[in-house]
Amino acid sequence: MPKLLVDGPEVFTDDGQVTNSDTEQFLTRSMEEFRDHIVRVLSVLTPRNT
């Protein structure tokens, strides 16, 4: 199972905003890659009408 560890109290503001642009880019890329992974998995597991 994929995991992302983001450590440190200064990473997020109290309302959940990311405080560092490099961290924001990392999280964005990681979530895009995870989305692509899910799409690939579902394309194999989802039956197709033939």
C-alpha atoms as a PDB file:
ATOM      1  CA  MET A   1       0.000   0.000   0.000  1.00  0.00           C
ATOM      2  CA  PRO A   2       1.451   3.397  -0.963  1.00  0.00           C
ATOM      3  CA  LYS A   3       2.325   5.801   1.846  1.00  0.00           C
ATOM      4  CA  LEU A   4       3.376   9.419   2.060  1.00  0.00           C
ATOM      5  CA  LEU A   5       5.045  10.707   5.185  1.00  0.00           C
ATOM      6  CA  VAL A   6       5.018  14.441   5.714  1.00  0.00           C
ATOM      7  CA  ASP A   7       6.557  15.423   9.011  1.00  0.00           C
ATOM      8  CA  GLY A   8       6.728  18.629  10.975  1.00  0.00           C
ATOM      9  CA  PRO A   9       4.173  20.992  12.472  1.00  0.00           C
ATOM     10  CA  GLU A  10       5.174  23.780  10.096  1.00  0.00           C
ATOM     11  CA  VAL A  11       4.149  21.826   6.969  1.00  0.00           C
ATOM     12  CA  PHE A  12       0.440  22.721   7.234  1.00  0.00           C
ATOM     13  CA  THR A  13      -1.409  25.759   8.526  1.00  0.00           C
ATOM     14  CA  ASP A  14      -4.274  25.330  10.991  1.00  0.00           C
ATOM     15  CA  ASP A  15      -6.753  25.358   8.099  1.00  0.00           C
ATOM     16  CA  GLY A  16      -4.841  22.680   6.160  1.00  0.00           C
ATOM     17  CA  GLN A  17      -2.907  24.784   3.646  1.00  0.00           C
ATOM     18  CA  VAL A  18       0.587  23.599   2.700  1.00  0.00           C
ATOM     19  CA  THR A  19       3.187  26.150   3.772  1.00  0.00           C
ATOM     20  CA  ASN A  20       6.041  25.155   1.447  1.00  0.00           C
ATOM     21  CA  SER A  21       5.747  25.194  -2.356  1.00  0.00           C
ATOM     22  CA  ASP A  22       8.192  22.274  -2.785  1.00  0.00           C
ATOM     23  CA  THR A  23       6.093  20.165  -0.413  1.00  0.00           C
ATOM     24  CA  GLU A  24       2.929  21.209  -2.234  1.00  0.00           C
ATOM     25  CA  GLN A  25       4.438  20.132  -5.569  1.00  0.00           C
ATOM     26  CA  PHE A  26       5.588  16.834  -4.048  1.00  0.00           C
ATOM     27  CA  LEU A  27       2.117  16.116  -2.653  1.00  0.00           C
ATOM     28  CA  THR A  28       0.437  17.106  -5.913  1.00  0.00           C
ATOM     29  CA  ARG A  29       2.705  14.847  -8.013  1.00  0.00           C
ATOM     30  CA  SER A  30       2.309  11.998  -5.552  1.00  0.00           C
ATOM     31  CA  MET A  31      -1.478  12.208  -5.608  1.00  0.00           C
ATOM     32  CA  GLU A  32      -1.496  12.366  -9.419  1.00  0.00           C
ATOM     33  CA  GLU A  33       0.666   9.246  -9.563  1.00  0.00           C
ATOM     34  CA  PHE A  34      -1.606   7.507  -7.056  1.00  0.00           C
ATOM     35  CA  ARG A  35      -4.651   8.442  -9.154  1.00  0.00           C
ATOM     36  CA  ASP A  36      -2.961   6.971 -12.239  1.00  0.00           C
ATOM     37  CA  HIS A  37      -2.194   3.793 -10.285  1.00  0.00           C
ATOM     38  CA  ILE A  38      -5.843   3.442  -9.235  1.00  0.00           C
ATOM     39  CA  VAL A  39      -7.000   3.958 -12.831  1.00  0.00           C
ATOM     40  CA  ARG A  40      -4.638   1.188 -13.999  1.00  0.00           C
ATOM     41  CA  VAL A  41      -5.807  -1.193 -11.270  1.00  0.00           C
ATOM     42  CA  LEU A  42      -9.466  -0.516 -11.986  1.00  0.00           C
ATOM     43  CA  SER A  43      -8.943  -1.025 -15.712  1.00  0.00           C
ATOM     44  CA  VAL A  44      -7.806  -4.572 -14.950  1.00  0.00           C
ATOM     45  CA  LEU A  45     -10.405  -5.362 -12.284  1.00  0.00           C
ATOM     46  CA  THR A  46     -13.458  -3.786 -13.911  1.00  0.00           C
ATOM     47  CA  PRO A  47     -15.264  -6.170 -16.277  1.00  0.00           C
ATOM     48  CA  ARG A  48     -15.761  -4.875 -19.792  1.00  0.00           C
ATOM     49  CA  ASN A  49     -18.805  -5.442 -21.952  1.00  0.00           C
ATOM     50  CA  THR A  50     -17.691  -7.286 -25.059  1.00  0.00           C
END
